[in-house]
């Protein structure tokens, strides 16, 4: 059980600061929401243009 309690592997150098990880996660979620809204808006606009011409 010593191996499980005190592992000797993993990243020890070039680790992200602890406060930076949640900020990156929140930023990626916000970026995904913005990208989704832009995509939905373009699809709806494109559909409206098609229905107006028919």
C-alpha atoms as a PDB file:
ATOM      1  CA  UNK A   1       0.000   0.000   0.000  1.00  0.00           C
ATOM      2  CA  UNK A   2       2.994   2.318   0.154  1.00  0.00           C
ATOM      3  CA  UNK A   3       2.800   2.835  -3.602  1.00  0.00           C
ATOM      4  CA  UNK A   4      -0.825   4.037  -3.456  1.00  0.00           C
ATOM      5  CA  UNK A   5      -0.284   6.270  -0.433  1.00  0.00           C
ATOM      6  CA  UNK A   6       2.901   7.888  -1.772  1.00  0.00           C
ATOM      7  CA  UNK A   7       3.137   7.640  -5.580  1.00  0.00           C
ATOM      8  CA  UNK A   8       6.479   8.582  -7.094  1.00  0.00           C
ATOM      9  CA  UNK A   9       5.298   9.321 -10.625  1.00  0.00           C
ATOM     10  CA  UNK A  10       3.480  12.184 -12.317  1.00  0.00           C
ATOM     11  CA  UNK A  11       4.262  15.663 -13.450  1.00  0.00           C
ATOM     12  CA  UNK A  12       6.375  17.653 -11.061  1.00  0.00           C
ATOM     13  CA  UNK A  13       7.704  20.311 -13.448  1.00  0.00           C
ATOM     14  CA  UNK A  14       5.771  22.789 -15.607  1.00  0.00           C
ATOM     15  CA  UNK A  15       2.535  22.353 -13.661  1.00  0.00           C
ATOM     16  CA  UNK A  16      -0.230  24.917 -13.980  1.00  0.00           C
ATOM     17  CA  UNK A  17      -0.877  27.082 -10.938  1.00  0.00           C
ATOM     18  CA  UNK A  18      -3.885  25.875  -8.964  1.00  0.00           C
ATOM     19  CA  UNK A  19      -5.860  29.092  -9.507  1.00  0.00           C
ATOM     20  CA  UNK A  20      -5.283  29.004 -13.263  1.00  0.00           C
ATOM     21  CA  UNK A  21      -7.019  25.652 -13.833  1.00  0.00           C
ATOM     22  CA  UNK A  22     -10.568  26.799 -12.870  1.00  0.00           C
ATOM     23  CA  UNK A  23     -10.092  30.001 -14.855  1.00  0.00           C
ATOM     24  CA  UNK A  24      -9.158  28.003 -17.965  1.00  0.00           C
ATOM     25  CA  UNK A  25     -12.168  25.740 -17.449  1.00  0.00           C
ATOM     26  CA  UNK A  26     -14.571  28.674 -17.037  1.00  0.00           C
ATOM     27  CA  UNK A  27     -13.041  30.446 -20.046  1.00  0.00           C
ATOM     28  CA  UNK A  28     -13.434  27.349 -22.218  1.00  0.00           C
ATOM     29  CA  UNK A  29     -17.097  26.964 -21.185  1.00  0.00           C
ATOM     30  CA  UNK A  30     -17.808  30.635 -21.940  1.00  0.00           C
ATOM     31  CA  UNK A  31     -16.029  30.337 -25.284  1.00  0.00           C
ATOM     32  CA  UNK A  32     -18.078  27.248 -26.112  1.00  0.00           C
ATOM     33  CA  UNK A  33     -21.340  29.041 -25.263  1.00  0.00           C
ATOM     34  CA  UNK A  34     -20.393  32.006 -27.446  1.00  0.00           C
ATOM     35  CA  UNK A  35     -19.379  29.747 -30.338  1.00  0.00           C
ATOM     36  CA  UNK A  36     -22.641  27.802 -30.026  1.00  0.00           C
ATOM     37  CA  UNK A  37     -24.721  30.998 -30.043  1.00  0.00           C
ATOM     38  CA  UNK A  38     -22.902  32.263 -33.151  1.00  0.00           C
ATOM     39  CA  UNK A  39     -23.388  28.914 -34.901  1.00  0.00           C
ATOM     40  CA  UNK A  40     -27.101  28.736 -34.056  1.00  0.00           C
ATOM     41  CA  UNK A  41     -27.602  32.341 -35.189  1.00  0.00           C
ATOM     42  CA  UNK A  42     -25.965  31.691 -38.561  1.00  0.00           C
ATOM     43  CA  UNK A  43     -27.975  28.504 -39.109  1.00  0.00           C
ATOM     44  CA  UNK A  44     -31.266  30.212 -38.219  1.00  0.00           C
ATOM     45  CA  UNK A  45     -30.454  33.215 -40.433  1.00  0.00           C
ATOM     46  CA  UNK A  46     -29.540  30.919 -43.315  1.00  0.00           C
ATOM     47  CA  UNK A  47     -32.810  29.001 -42.865  1.00  0.00           C
ATOM     48  CA  UNK A  48     -34.803  32.259 -42.804  1.00  0.00           C
ATOM     49  CA  UNK A  49     -33.148  33.430 -46.036  1.00  0.00           C
ATOM     50  CA  UNK A  50     -34.090  30.157 -47.737  1.00  0.00           C
ATOM     51  CA  UNK A  51     -37.710  30.309 -46.595  1.00  0.00           C
ATOM     52  CA  UNK A  52     -38.079  33.952 -47.734  1.00  0.00           C
ATOM     53  CA  UNK A  53     -36.891  33.164 -51.279  1.00  0.00           C
ATOM     54  CA  UNK A  54     -39.263  30.207 -51.735  1.00  0.00           C
END
